[in-house]
Amino acid sequence: MLESSKALRPWRERIRALAQEHYTADPLQEALRVDIVFYFARPQNHMRTGRYKHELKASAPIFPATKRNDVDKLSRAILDGLTGVVFDDDGRVVDLRARKVYSTKREGAQVQVRHAVLL
């Protein structure tokens, strides 16, 4: 499968490097739940102008529902980057929760991996 984005390989490598930095145990070999929140900067056109430039326009969308940055492709890149470091195979993930949000404080992703549990 060929990837269309030139930014994908560096993104995966960055994920892998951060995972290696923060996770030092052996790769997990059990059913897992992964929660991911992707943070995106708001476009400038979502903001008011003038002395109210720090406020959102009433018409600004709540979620970043763009044609780019599919949440499933973003999630796959995260899981691929974690494979071999945090878990031995991304097939171990039985519960995946991912969402995209706007943030004024940061861009990137927050990832949490935990044991899967039945509810």
C-alpha atoms as a PDB file:
ATOM      1  CA  MET A   1       0.000   0.000   0.000  1.00  0.00           C
ATOM      2  CA  LEU A   2       1.412   3.398  -0.948  1.00  0.00           C
ATOM      3  CA  GLU A   3       0.929   6.351   1.352  1.00  0.00           C
ATOM      4  CA  SER A   4      -0.081   9.617  -0.277  1.00  0.00           C
ATOM      5  CA  SER A   5       1.219  11.948   2.428  1.00  0.00           C
ATOM      6  CA  LYS A   6       4.927  12.752   2.565  1.00  0.00           C
ATOM      7  CA  ALA A   7       4.465  13.776   6.206  1.00  0.00           C
ATOM      8  CA  LEU A   8       3.321  10.290   7.264  1.00  0.00           C
ATOM      9  CA  ARG A   9       6.725   8.625   7.616  1.00  0.00           C
ATOM     10  CA  PRO A  10       8.229  11.421   9.796  1.00  0.00           C
ATOM     11  CA  TRP A  11       5.015  11.454  11.899  1.00  0.00           C
ATOM     12  CA  ARG A  12       5.246   7.703  12.522  1.00  0.00           C
ATOM     13  CA  GLU A  13       8.949   7.978  13.334  1.00  0.00           C
ATOM     14  CA  ARG A  14       8.224  10.784  15.812  1.00  0.00           C
ATOM     15  CA  ILE A  15       5.521   8.655  17.451  1.00  0.00           C
ATOM     16  CA  ARG A  16       7.914   5.703  17.675  1.00  0.00           C
ATOM     17  CA  ALA A  17      10.681   7.867  19.182  1.00  0.00           C
ATOM     18  CA  LEU A  18       8.335   9.334  21.799  1.00  0.00           C
ATOM     19  CA  ALA A  19       6.959   5.887  22.622  1.00  0.00           C
ATOM     20  CA  GLN A  20      10.490   4.533  23.121  1.00  0.00           C
ATOM     21  CA  GLU A  21      11.282   7.499  25.351  1.00  0.00           C
ATOM     22  CA  HIS A  22       8.214   7.084  27.561  1.00  0.00           C
ATOM     23  CA  TYR A  23       7.620   3.321  27.497  1.00  0.00           C
ATOM     24  CA  THR A  24      10.520   1.119  28.555  1.00  0.00           C
ATOM     25  CA  ALA A  25       8.828  -2.206  29.348  1.00  0.00           C
ATOM     26  CA  ASP A  26       8.434  -5.123  26.968  1.00  0.00           C
ATOM     27  CA  PRO A  27       5.742  -4.765  24.295  1.00  0.00           C
ATOM     28  CA  LEU A  28       2.304  -5.723  25.592  1.00  0.00           C
ATOM     29  CA  GLN A  29       0.797  -8.974  24.344  1.00  0.00           C
ATOM     30  CA  GLU A  30      -2.814  -8.764  25.449  1.00  0.00           C
ATOM     31  CA  ALA A  31      -6.107  -7.153  24.472  1.00  0.00           C
ATOM     32  CA  LEU A  32      -5.760  -3.368  24.651  1.00  0.00           C
ATOM     33  CA  ARG A  33      -7.795  -0.191  24.614  1.00  0.00           C
ATOM     34  CA  VAL A  34      -6.282   2.885  22.967  1.00  0.00           C
ATOM     35  CA  ASP A  35      -7.670   6.390  23.450  1.00  0.00           C
ATOM     36  CA  ILE A  36      -6.397   9.125  21.146  1.00  0.00           C
ATOM     37  CA  VAL A  37      -7.226  12.825  21.064  1.00  0.00           C
ATOM     38  CA  PHE A  38      -5.893  14.753  18.069  1.00  0.00           C
ATOM     39  CA  TYR A  39      -5.464  18.472  18.656  1.00  0.00           C
ATOM     40  CA  PHE A  40      -5.680  20.921  15.754  1.00  0.00           C
ATOM     41  CA  ALA A  41      -5.174  24.670  15.670  1.00  0.00           C
ATOM     42  CA  ARG A  42      -8.205  26.689  14.698  1.00  0.00           C
ATOM     43  CA  PRO A  43      -8.004  28.464  11.362  1.00  0.00           C
ATOM     44  CA  GLN A  44      -7.785  32.241  11.676  1.00  0.00           C
ATOM     45  CA  ASN A  45     -11.111  32.626   9.854  1.00  0.00           C
ATOM     46  CA  HIS A  46     -12.856  31.069  12.882  1.00  0.00           C
ATOM     47  CA  MET A  47     -11.896  34.078  14.975  1.00  0.00           C
ATOM     48  CA  ARG A  48     -13.491  37.495  15.168  1.00  0.00           C
ATOM     49  CA  THR A  49     -11.519  40.592  14.232  1.00  0.00           C
ATOM     50  CA  GLY A  50     -10.518  43.834  15.864  1.00  0.00           C
ATOM     51  CA  ARG A  51     -10.678  44.112  19.604  1.00  0.00           C
ATOM     52  CA  TYR A  52     -12.600  40.799  19.727  1.00  0.00           C
ATOM     53  CA  LYS A  53      -9.941  38.846  17.810  1.00  0.00           C
ATOM     54  CA  HIS A  54      -9.496  36.470  20.774  1.00  0.00           C
ATOM     55  CA  GLU A  55     -13.154  35.356  20.520  1.00  0.00           C
ATOM     56  CA  LEU A  56     -14.662  32.740  18.236  1.00  0.00           C
ATOM     57  CA  LYS A  57     -17.199  33.685  15.604  1.00  0.00           C
ATOM     58  CA  ALA A  58     -20.665  32.328  16.311  1.00  0.00           C
ATOM     59  CA  SER A  59     -20.433  30.470  13.001  1.00  0.00           C
ATOM     60  CA  ALA A  60     -17.159  28.689  13.899  1.00  0.00           C
ATOM     61  CA  PRO A  61     -17.601  24.898  13.891  1.00  0.00           C
ATOM     62  CA  ILE A  62     -17.129  22.965  17.098  1.00  0.00           C
ATOM     63  CA  PHE A  63     -15.230  20.043  15.574  1.00  0.00           C
ATOM     64  CA  PRO A  64     -12.527  20.007  12.878  1.00  0.00           C
ATOM     65  CA  ALA A  65     -14.571  18.193  10.232  1.00  0.00           C
ATOM     66  CA  THR A  66     -12.253  18.791   7.318  1.00  0.00           C
ATOM     67  CA  LYS A  67     -11.732  16.650   4.253  1.00  0.00           C
ATOM     68  CA  ARG A  68      -8.107  16.242   5.317  1.00  0.00           C
ATOM     69  CA  ASN A  69      -6.859  14.425   8.374  1.00  0.00           C
ATOM     70  CA  ASP A  70      -9.264  11.489   8.475  1.00  0.00           C
ATOM     71  CA  VAL A  71      -9.484  10.285  12.062  1.00  0.00           C
ATOM     72  CA  ASP A  72      -9.058   6.674  10.918  1.00  0.00           C
ATOM     73  CA  LYS A  73      -5.852   7.427   9.003  1.00  0.00           C
ATOM     74  CA  LEU A  74      -4.485   9.501  11.866  1.00  0.00           C
ATOM     75  CA  SER A  75      -5.253   6.641  14.253  1.00  0.00           C
ATOM     76  CA  ARG A  76      -3.606   4.094  11.986  1.00  0.00           C
ATOM     77  CA  ALA A  77      -0.422   6.198  11.928  1.00  0.00           C
ATOM     78  CA  ILE A  78      -0.399   6.285  15.740  1.00  0.00           C
ATOM     79  CA  LEU A  79      -0.950   2.535  16.037  1.00  0.00           C
ATOM     80  CA  ASP A  80       1.740   1.818  13.443  1.00  0.00           C
ATOM     81  CA  GLY A  81       4.170   4.016  15.367  1.00  0.00           C
ATOM     82  CA  LEU A  82       3.429   2.217  18.647  1.00  0.00           C
ATOM     83  CA  THR A  83       3.720  -1.284  17.166  1.00  0.00           C
ATOM     84  CA  GLY A  84       6.855  -3.034  18.332  1.00  0.00           C
ATOM     85  CA  VAL A  85       7.339  -0.553  21.163  1.00  0.00           C
ATOM     86  CA  VAL A  86       4.196  -0.435  23.321  1.00  0.00           C
ATOM     87  CA  PHE A  87       2.521  -3.546  21.895  1.00  0.00           C
ATOM     88  CA  ASP A  88       3.806  -6.325  19.702  1.00  0.00           C
ATOM     89  CA  ASP A  89       1.063  -5.994  17.081  1.00  0.00           C
ATOM     90  CA  ASP A  90      -1.673  -3.420  16.527  1.00  0.00           C
ATOM     91  CA  GLY A  91      -4.093  -6.328  16.188  1.00  0.00           C
ATOM     92  CA  ARG A  92      -3.988  -6.399  20.007  1.00  0.00           C
ATOM     93  CA  VAL A  93      -6.113  -3.227  20.021  1.00  0.00           C
ATOM     94  CA  VAL A  94      -9.717  -4.322  20.554  1.00  0.00           C
ATOM     95  CA  ASP A  95     -11.106  -0.957  21.654  1.00  0.00           C
ATOM     96  CA  LEU A  96     -10.055   2.205  19.824  1.00  0.00           C
ATOM     97  CA  ARG A  97     -11.470   5.619  20.661  1.00  0.00           C
ATOM     98  CA  ALA A  98     -10.279   8.583  18.647  1.00  0.00           C
ATOM     99  CA  ARG A  99     -11.474  12.141  18.253  1.00  0.00           C
ATOM    100  CA  LYS A 100     -10.327  15.396  16.722  1.00  0.00           C
ATOM    101  CA  VAL A 101     -10.666  18.649  18.628  1.00  0.00           C
ATOM    102  CA  TYR A 102      -9.630  22.245  18.178  1.00  0.00           C
ATOM    103  CA  SER A 103      -7.168  23.635  20.667  1.00  0.00           C
ATOM    104  CA  THR A 104      -5.726  27.071  21.250  1.00  0.00           C
ATOM    105  CA  LYS A 105      -2.986  25.644  23.469  1.00  0.00           C
ATOM    106  CA  ARG A 106      -1.373  22.840  21.440  1.00  0.00           C
ATOM    107  CA  GLU A 107      -1.308  20.739  18.313  1.00  0.00           C
ATOM    108  CA  GLY A 108      -0.540  17.041  18.160  1.00  0.00           C
ATOM    109  CA  ALA A 109      -1.993  13.969  19.806  1.00  0.00           C
ATOM    110  CA  GLN A 110      -2.498  12.569  23.274  1.00  0.00           C
ATOM    111  CA  VAL A 111      -2.410   8.770  23.411  1.00  0.00           C
ATOM    112  CA  GLN A 112      -3.346   6.471  26.251  1.00  0.00           C
ATOM    113  CA  VAL A 113      -2.920   2.680  26.072  1.00  0.00           C
ATOM    114  CA  ARG A 114      -4.485   0.457  28.713  1.00  0.00           C
ATOM    115  CA  HIS A 115      -5.698  -3.063  29.262  1.00  0.00           C
ATOM    116  CA  ALA A 116      -9.040  -3.775  27.644  1.00  0.00           C
ATOM    117  CA  VAL A 117     -11.887  -4.497  30.049  1.00  0.00           C
ATOM    118  CA  LEU A 118     -15.395  -5.732  29.531  1.00  0.00           C
ATOM    119  CA  LEU A 119     -18.120  -3.353  30.598  1.00  0.00           C
END
